[in-house]
Amino acid sequence: MQIALVIGSTISTIKDEALSGRKLLIVRKADTEGKMTGEPFVAVDTVSAGTGDLVLITDGSSARYTRQTTDTPVDAVIVGVIDSLEMGGKVTYRKE
């Protein structure tokens, strides 16, 4: 799993039938303080995340192992919303 920040959403009216009804969010990988580090990409939301949330994502073939994405053509999926991060006894991120 990796850490990412939700920066927006996308709507696609024409897509593979298996993606119908799925919320597609735009995310960027982030560090343990919630600062963005990577390029934007689209991830399927399975946990009702929203813009500004720091989330856990899984990508590659592992993205097709959730109940909602089994046998679905996805490469990235949001599997959790992060409430806080602690590194070495210090809280580096806390959801506001």
Protein backbone atom coordinates (compact mmCIF):
# COMPACT_ATOMS: atom_id res chain seq x y z
CA MET A 1 0.00 0.00 0.00
CA GLN A 2 1.00 3.59 -0.54
CA ILE A 3 -0.02 7.00 0.80
CA ALA A 4 -1.74 9.47 -1.51
CA LEU A 5 -3.66 12.74 -1.31
CA VAL A 6 -7.02 13.10 -3.05
CA ILE A 7 -6.85 16.27 -5.16
CA GLY A 8 -10.02 16.00 -7.22
CA SER A 9 -12.48 13.81 -9.06
CA THR A 10 -13.30 12.88 -12.61
CA ILE A 11 -16.46 11.93 -14.43
CA SER A 12 -16.49 9.56 -17.37
CA THR A 13 -19.81 8.87 -19.06
CA ILE A 14 -18.32 6.43 -21.57
CA LYS A 15 -16.30 3.66 -19.90
CA ASP A 16 -16.00 -0.08 -19.43
CA GLU A 17 -19.26 -1.49 -18.07
CA ALA A 18 -17.42 -2.89 -15.01
CA LEU A 19 -16.61 0.70 -13.95
CA SER A 20 -20.22 1.86 -14.10
CA GLY A 21 -21.27 3.44 -10.80
CA ARG A 22 -17.69 3.67 -9.49
CA LYS A 23 -16.39 6.95 -8.06
CA LEU A 24 -13.13 7.94 -9.76
CA LEU A 25 -10.83 10.25 -7.79
CA ILE A 26 -7.63 12.00 -8.82
CA VAL A 27 -4.79 11.36 -6.38
CA ARG A 28 -1.09 12.13 -6.02
CA LYS A 29 1.31 10.04 -3.98
CA ALA A 30 2.28 11.77 -0.74
CA ASP A 31 4.88 11.58 2.02
CA THR A 32 4.21 10.84 5.71
CA GLU A 33 3.38 14.51 6.35
CA GLY A 34 0.73 14.57 3.62
CA LYS A 35 2.83 16.56 1.13
CA MET A 36 2.36 15.54 -2.50
CA THR A 37 5.33 13.86 -4.17
CA GLY A 38 4.17 12.34 -7.43
CA GLU A 39 2.21 12.89 -10.60
CA PRO A 40 -1.61 12.80 -10.55
CA PHE A 41 -3.43 9.60 -11.45
CA VAL A 42 -6.94 8.18 -11.18
CA ALA A 43 -7.95 5.68 -8.49
CA VAL A 44 -11.26 3.91 -7.91
CA ASP A 45 -12.72 4.89 -4.53
CA THR A 46 -14.04 2.02 -2.40
CA VAL A 47 -14.27 3.85 0.96
CA SER A 48 -16.12 7.16 0.28
CA ALA A 49 -12.98 9.31 0.33
CA GLY A 50 -13.11 12.93 -0.76
CA THR A 51 -10.95 15.80 -1.91
CA GLY A 52 -8.34 16.68 0.70
CA ASP A 53 -8.30 13.22 2.31
CA LEU A 54 -5.01 11.43 2.83
CA VAL A 55 -5.66 7.86 1.73
CA LEU A 56 -4.16 4.40 1.40
CA ILE A 57 -3.99 3.11 -2.13
CA THR A 58 -2.98 -0.15 -3.68
CA ASP A 59 -2.05 -0.39 -7.32
CA GLY A 60 -1.09 -2.82 -10.03
CA SER A 61 -2.68 -6.26 -10.00
CA SER A 62 -3.38 -5.89 -6.25
CA ALA A 63 -5.97 -3.23 -7.10
CA ARG A 64 -8.24 -5.98 -8.41
CA TYR A 65 -8.47 -7.79 -5.06
CA THR A 66 -11.14 -5.70 -3.31
CA ARG A 67 -14.76 -6.84 -3.27
CA GLN A 68 -15.74 -3.91 -5.50
CA THR A 69 -12.93 -4.30 -8.05
CA THR A 70 -12.59 -8.05 -8.56
CA ASP A 71 -12.20 -8.75 -12.30
CA THR A 72 -12.41 -5.02 -13.06
CA PRO A 73 -9.90 -3.21 -15.31
CA VAL A 74 -8.37 -0.98 -12.61
CA ASP A 75 -4.78 -0.14 -11.80
CA ALA A 76 -5.25 1.88 -8.58
CA VAL A 77 -7.83 1.69 -5.80
CA ILE A 78 -8.39 3.66 -2.59
CA VAL A 79 -8.71 1.18 0.28
CA GLY A 80 -8.59 3.43 3.35
CA VAL A 81 -8.76 7.01 4.65
CA ILE A 82 -5.91 7.91 6.99
CA ASP A 83 -6.82 9.50 10.33
CA SER A 84 -3.25 9.94 11.58
CA LEU A 85 0.33 8.88 10.92
CA GLU A 86 2.96 8.29 13.59
CA MET A 87 6.66 7.84 12.88
CA GLY A 88 9.16 7.19 15.67
CA GLY A 89 6.72 8.24 18.37
CA LYS A 90 5.93 11.55 16.62
CA VAL A 91 2.61 12.26 14.92
CA THR A 92 3.48 13.48 11.42
CA TYR A 93 -0.11 13.81 10.15
CA ARG A 94 -3.51 14.12 11.80
CA LYS A 95 -6.76 14.52 9.89
CA GLU A 96 -8.41 17.83 10.75
